[in-house]
Amino acid sequence: MEHRARKRFGQHFLHDANIIERIVRAIDPAAGDHLVEIGPGLGAITLPLLERVDELHAVELDRDVIPLLEAKAAAPGRLVIHPADALKFDFAALAGGIGAPLRLAGNLPYNVSSPLLFHFLSFRSVIRDMHFMLQKEVVDRMAAPPGSKTYGRLSVMLAADCLIEPLFTIRPGAFNPPPKVDSAVVRLAVRDEPPFPLPDRALFAKLVTAAFAQRRKTLRNSIRQFLDADAIAACGIDPRARAETLSAAEFGRLAAAAAG
């Protein structure tokens, strides 16, 4: 039975064998890894991964593809499918059941990619690394350096928790149906600790969000609810600077000062 991609799930099914091989090679799974695939779809990556690991867990929202995926899996019992929304899935509970750290992989829906990334990082203590296909524009934002046009909240928040490595670009023809944009594969190695002091993560997130909410505003205006101009200057940062010029570590200094 043929399954048609569903727009509401943001489905674009990968079919290019060369790209699939490159992705599996990038993940480089070992037999004992606790691998979790996000949105396996019709199993383009699932089946090659199953050949390399003892057991593969998968989180899939579209219940209609699950019987198709189970039918394709060559070794019953080795593929464990969790019919759930990855945005609501408890990865800590899964890690408690199968062991940690988890290794996440998958083709993330473009329409919820950023919320998914933040959700995954809320479980960073049980995750070793992540390999995802995303819209190339999102990957560019994730890895953007300060001062670039694509640098923003996502860049800063991820830098606190991950080493980000864009791997390669994927053209639309590798998918069915083809998306209207290029995709890219990215590796996120989860840090054991942030690379700068971060006493209050929630405050850090709020400050970064406020700083980028109106990019044209200077810090003295955009984050005045957290620090006044003198307090910003005391962190060694110009209060007249704009958010896109600051490194993640500088935002960390501001958040630490705001935390008192």
Protein backbone atom coordinates (compact mmCIF):
# COMPACT_ATOMS: atom_id res chain seq x y z
CA MET A 1 0.00 0.00 0.00
CA GLU A 2 1.36 3.41 -0.98
CA HIS A 3 1.48 6.08 1.71
CA ARG A 4 1.17 9.69 0.65
CA ALA A 5 3.14 12.31 2.53
CA ARG A 6 0.94 14.44 4.76
CA LYS A 7 1.40 18.19 4.70
CA ARG A 8 0.13 18.63 8.26
CA PHE A 9 2.96 16.41 9.51
CA GLY A 10 5.53 18.20 7.35
CA GLN A 11 6.43 14.90 5.69
CA HIS A 12 9.08 14.67 2.96
CA PHE A 13 10.30 11.10 2.55
CA LEU A 14 13.97 10.60 1.76
CA HIS A 15 14.66 8.17 -1.10
CA ASP A 16 18.18 8.94 -2.41
CA ALA A 17 20.34 5.88 -1.61
CA ASN A 18 23.61 7.83 -1.69
CA ILE A 19 22.32 10.42 0.77
CA ILE A 20 20.95 7.70 3.04
CA GLU A 21 24.37 6.03 3.08
CA ARG A 22 26.10 9.33 3.90
CA ILE A 23 23.72 9.97 6.79
CA VAL A 24 24.20 6.50 8.30
CA ARG A 25 27.96 6.88 7.89
CA ALA A 26 27.83 10.26 9.66
CA ILE A 27 25.85 8.80 12.57
CA ASP A 28 28.28 5.85 12.69
CA PRO A 29 26.14 3.73 15.03
CA ALA A 30 27.68 0.95 17.11
CA ALA A 31 25.91 -2.23 18.18
CA GLY A 32 25.35 -1.18 21.80
CA ASP A 33 24.24 2.40 21.12
CA HIS A 34 20.88 3.55 22.50
CA LEU A 35 19.69 5.00 19.20
CA VAL A 36 16.35 6.82 18.87
CA GLU A 37 15.02 7.89 15.48
CA ILE A 38 12.66 10.85 15.35
CA GLY A 39 9.98 10.53 12.68
CA PRO A 40 11.15 7.40 10.85
CA GLY A 41 8.42 7.75 8.22
CA LEU A 42 8.72 4.94 5.69
CA GLY A 43 12.04 3.69 7.07
CA ALA A 44 14.61 5.11 4.64
CA ILE A 45 17.16 5.51 7.45
CA THR A 46 15.53 3.12 9.91
CA LEU A 47 16.35 -0.04 7.99
CA PRO A 48 20.06 0.70 7.40
CA LEU A 49 20.41 1.72 11.05
CA LEU A 50 18.79 -1.55 12.18
CA GLU A 51 21.61 -3.41 10.47
CA ARG A 52 24.13 -1.66 12.74
CA VAL A 53 22.49 -1.65 16.19
CA ASP A 54 21.09 -4.25 18.57
CA GLU A 55 17.85 -2.34 19.07
CA LEU A 56 16.38 0.83 17.59
CA HIS A 57 13.68 2.96 19.16
CA ALA A 58 11.60 5.27 16.98
CA VAL A 59 9.13 8.05 17.81
CA GLU A 60 6.48 8.42 15.10
CA LEU A 61 3.43 10.71 15.09
CA ASP A 62 1.74 9.37 11.93
CA ARG A 63 0.07 6.14 13.05
CA ASP A 64 -0.71 5.16 9.45
CA VAL A 65 2.97 4.60 8.62
CA ILE A 66 3.65 2.44 11.67
CA PRO A 67 2.29 -0.86 10.24
CA LEU A 68 4.16 -0.18 6.98
CA LEU A 69 7.34 0.41 8.92
CA GLU A 70 6.88 -2.70 11.06
CA ALA A 71 6.31 -4.78 7.94
CA LYS A 72 9.56 -3.54 6.42
CA ALA A 73 11.65 -4.20 9.52
CA ALA A 74 13.53 -7.43 8.90
CA ALA A 75 14.08 -8.37 12.54
CA PRO A 76 10.91 -8.23 14.66
CA GLY A 77 11.52 -7.04 18.21
CA ARG A 78 14.62 -5.03 17.37
CA LEU A 79 12.56 -2.06 16.21
CA VAL A 80 10.50 -0.50 19.01
CA ILE A 81 8.08 2.15 17.76
CA HIS A 82 6.60 4.73 20.11
CA PRO A 83 3.42 6.22 18.56
CA ALA A 84 3.80 9.71 19.94
CA ASP A 85 4.47 13.35 19.22
CA ALA A 86 8.21 13.95 19.68
CA LEU A 87 7.39 17.44 21.02
CA LYS A 88 5.67 15.80 24.00
CA PHE A 89 7.79 12.67 24.34
CA ASP A 90 9.61 11.97 27.62
CA PHE A 91 13.16 11.03 26.59
CA ALA A 92 14.30 10.84 30.21
CA ALA A 93 11.79 8.06 30.87
CA LEU A 94 12.99 6.22 27.77
CA ALA A 95 16.63 6.58 28.83
CA GLY A 96 15.69 5.25 32.26
CA GLY A 97 14.20 2.16 30.62
CA ILE A 98 16.78 1.33 27.94
CA GLY A 99 19.88 3.05 29.29
CA ALA A 100 21.67 6.32 28.63
CA PRO A 101 23.05 8.23 26.91
CA LEU A 102 20.65 8.35 23.99
CA ARG A 103 21.71 9.13 20.43
CA LEU A 104 18.97 10.94 18.48
CA ALA A 105 18.64 11.02 14.69
CA GLY A 106 16.02 11.82 12.12
CA ASN A 107 14.46 14.04 9.49
CA LEU A 108 12.78 16.83 11.46
CA PRO A 109 9.62 18.50 10.11
CA TYR A 110 10.53 21.99 8.96
CA ASN A 111 7.50 23.61 10.56
CA VAL A 112 8.42 22.62 14.14
CA SER A 113 12.19 22.13 13.93
CA SER A 114 13.17 24.85 16.44
CA PRO A 115 10.63 23.81 19.11
CA LEU A 116 11.80 20.21 18.68
CA LEU A 117 15.45 21.17 19.16
CA PHE A 118 14.64 23.04 22.37
CA HIS A 119 12.54 20.11 23.60
CA PHE A 120 15.37 17.65 22.95
CA LEU A 121 17.85 19.88 24.78
CA SER A 122 15.60 19.92 27.83
CA PHE A 123 16.71 16.25 28.13
CA ARG A 124 20.40 17.05 27.48
CA SER A 125 21.51 15.14 30.58
CA VAL A 126 20.51 11.84 28.92
CA ILE A 127 21.52 12.65 25.33
CA ARG A 128 25.00 12.13 23.87
CA ASP A 129 24.53 13.52 20.40
CA MET A 130 21.99 14.26 17.67
CA HIS A 131 22.12 13.97 13.88
CA PHE A 132 19.28 15.68 12.06
CA MET A 133 18.12 16.62 8.58
CA LEU A 134 16.69 20.10 8.67
CA GLN A 135 15.92 22.98 6.37
CA LYS A 136 19.35 24.34 5.36
CA GLU A 137 18.32 27.82 6.48
CA VAL A 138 17.78 26.47 10.00
CA VAL A 139 21.17 24.73 10.04
CA ASP A 140 22.78 27.98 8.87
CA ARG A 141 21.12 29.78 11.80
CA MET A 142 22.20 27.09 14.24
CA ALA A 143 25.88 27.40 13.31
CA ALA A 144 25.98 31.15 12.56
CA PRO A 145 28.77 33.22 14.15
CA PRO A 146 28.12 36.55 15.92
CA GLY A 147 27.75 39.45 13.51
CA SER A 148 26.26 37.41 10.67
CA LYS A 149 22.78 37.99 9.26
CA THR A 150 21.60 34.53 10.28
CA TYR A 151 22.90 34.76 13.88
CA GLY A 152 20.10 34.86 16.43
CA ARG A 153 18.39 33.33 19.44
CA LEU A 154 18.71 29.78 18.12
CA SER A 155 22.46 30.21 17.54
CA VAL A 156 23.03 31.47 21.10
CA MET A 157 20.83 28.96 22.89
CA LEU A 158 22.34 25.96 21.10
CA ALA A 159 25.90 27.19 21.68
CA ALA A 160 25.35 26.88 25.42
CA ASP A 161 24.66 23.16 25.15
CA CYS A 162 26.13 21.81 21.91
CA LEU A 163 29.05 21.68 19.57
CA ILE A 164 27.36 22.26 16.21
CA GLU A 165 28.80 20.79 13.00
CA PRO A 166 26.97 21.22 9.68
CA LEU A 167 27.85 18.16 7.58
CA PHE A 168 26.39 18.37 4.06
CA THR A 169 23.58 19.83 1.96
CA ILE A 170 20.73 17.79 0.46
CA ARG A 171 18.89 18.98 -2.66
CA PRO A 172 15.08 18.78 -2.90
CA GLY A 173 15.16 15.92 -5.43
CA ALA A 174 16.36 13.52 -2.73
CA PHE A 175 12.87 13.64 -1.15
CA ASN A 176 9.35 12.68 -2.16
CA PRO A 177 7.60 15.05 -2.42
CA PRO A 178 10.49 17.47 -2.98
CA PRO A 179 10.51 20.36 -0.49
CA LYS A 180 10.79 23.87 -1.87
CA VAL A 181 14.11 24.47 -0.12
CA ASP A 182 17.49 22.81 0.35
CA SER A 183 18.01 20.63 3.41
CA ALA A 184 21.16 19.93 5.40
CA VAL A 185 22.46 17.36 7.87
CA VAL A 186 23.89 18.64 11.13
CA ARG A 187 25.66 16.98 14.06
CA LEU A 188 25.06 18.28 17.58
CA ALA A 189 27.40 16.90 20.23
CA VAL A 190 25.88 17.64 23.63
CA ARG A 191 28.27 19.32 26.06
CA ASP A 192 28.72 17.94 29.58
CA GLU A 193 28.73 21.53 30.86
CA PRO A 194 28.14 24.92 29.23
CA PRO A 195 31.38 26.57 28.00
CA PHE A 196 30.67 29.56 30.27
CA PRO A 197 29.09 30.01 33.73
CA LEU A 198 25.31 29.67 33.54
CA PRO A 199 23.79 29.89 37.04
CA ASP A 200 20.20 30.35 35.86
CA ARG A 201 19.24 28.73 32.55
CA ALA A 202 15.68 30.03 32.56
CA LEU A 203 16.89 33.60 33.06
CA PHE A 204 19.49 33.15 30.31
CA ALA A 205 16.75 32.02 27.91
CA LYS A 206 14.50 34.96 28.79
CA LEU A 207 17.31 37.50 28.41
CA VAL A 208 18.42 36.11 25.03
CA THR A 209 14.81 36.07 23.80
CA ALA A 210 14.32 39.70 24.86
CA ALA A 211 17.59 40.78 23.24
CA PHE A 212 16.63 39.35 19.86
CA ALA A 213 12.92 40.25 19.99
CA GLN A 214 13.67 43.60 18.34
CA ARG A 215 17.04 43.22 16.68
CA ARG A 216 17.46 46.91 15.85
CA LYS A 217 17.27 47.94 19.50
CA THR A 218 20.45 48.40 21.52
CA LEU A 219 20.99 46.25 24.61
CA ARG A 220 20.30 49.17 26.95
CA ASN A 221 16.75 49.16 25.57
CA SER A 222 16.11 45.53 24.72
CA ILE A 223 17.21 44.02 28.06
CA ARG A 224 16.52 46.94 30.39
CA GLN A 225 14.09 44.77 32.35
CA PHE A 226 17.11 42.68 33.38
CA LEU A 227 20.04 45.15 33.55
CA ASP A 228 20.53 48.89 33.22
CA ALA A 229 23.23 50.46 31.06
CA ASP A 230 25.77 50.65 33.89
CA ALA A 231 25.28 46.98 34.78
CA ILE A 232 25.74 46.00 31.11
CA ALA A 233 28.94 48.06 30.93
CA ALA A 234 30.17 46.42 34.13
CA CYS A 235 30.06 43.10 32.23
CA GLY A 236 32.54 44.56 29.73
CA ILE A 237 29.84 44.97 27.08
CA ASP A 238 28.84 48.18 25.33
CA PRO A 239 25.21 49.02 26.24
CA ARG A 240 24.86 50.54 22.74
CA ALA A 241 25.66 47.20 21.09
CA ARG A 242 22.97 45.15 19.38
CA ALA A 243 22.19 41.54 20.19
CA GLU A 244 23.62 40.06 16.97
CA THR A 245 27.14 41.31 17.84
CA LEU A 246 27.41 39.41 21.13
CA SER A 247 28.84 35.92 21.56
CA ALA A 248 26.99 33.28 23.57
CA ALA A 249 29.58 33.69 26.33
CA GLU A 250 28.82 37.42 26.52
CA PHE A 251 25.13 36.66 26.87
CA GLY A 252 26.14 34.26 29.61
CA ARG A 253 27.93 37.10 31.43
CA LEU A 254 24.86 39.29 31.17
CA ALA A 255 22.59 36.51 32.46
CA ALA A 256 24.95 35.79 35.36
CA ALA A 257 24.91 39.49 36.30
CA ALA A 258 21.12 39.59 36.07
CA ALA A 259 20.94 36.55 38.33
CA GLY A 260 22.81 38.55 40.95
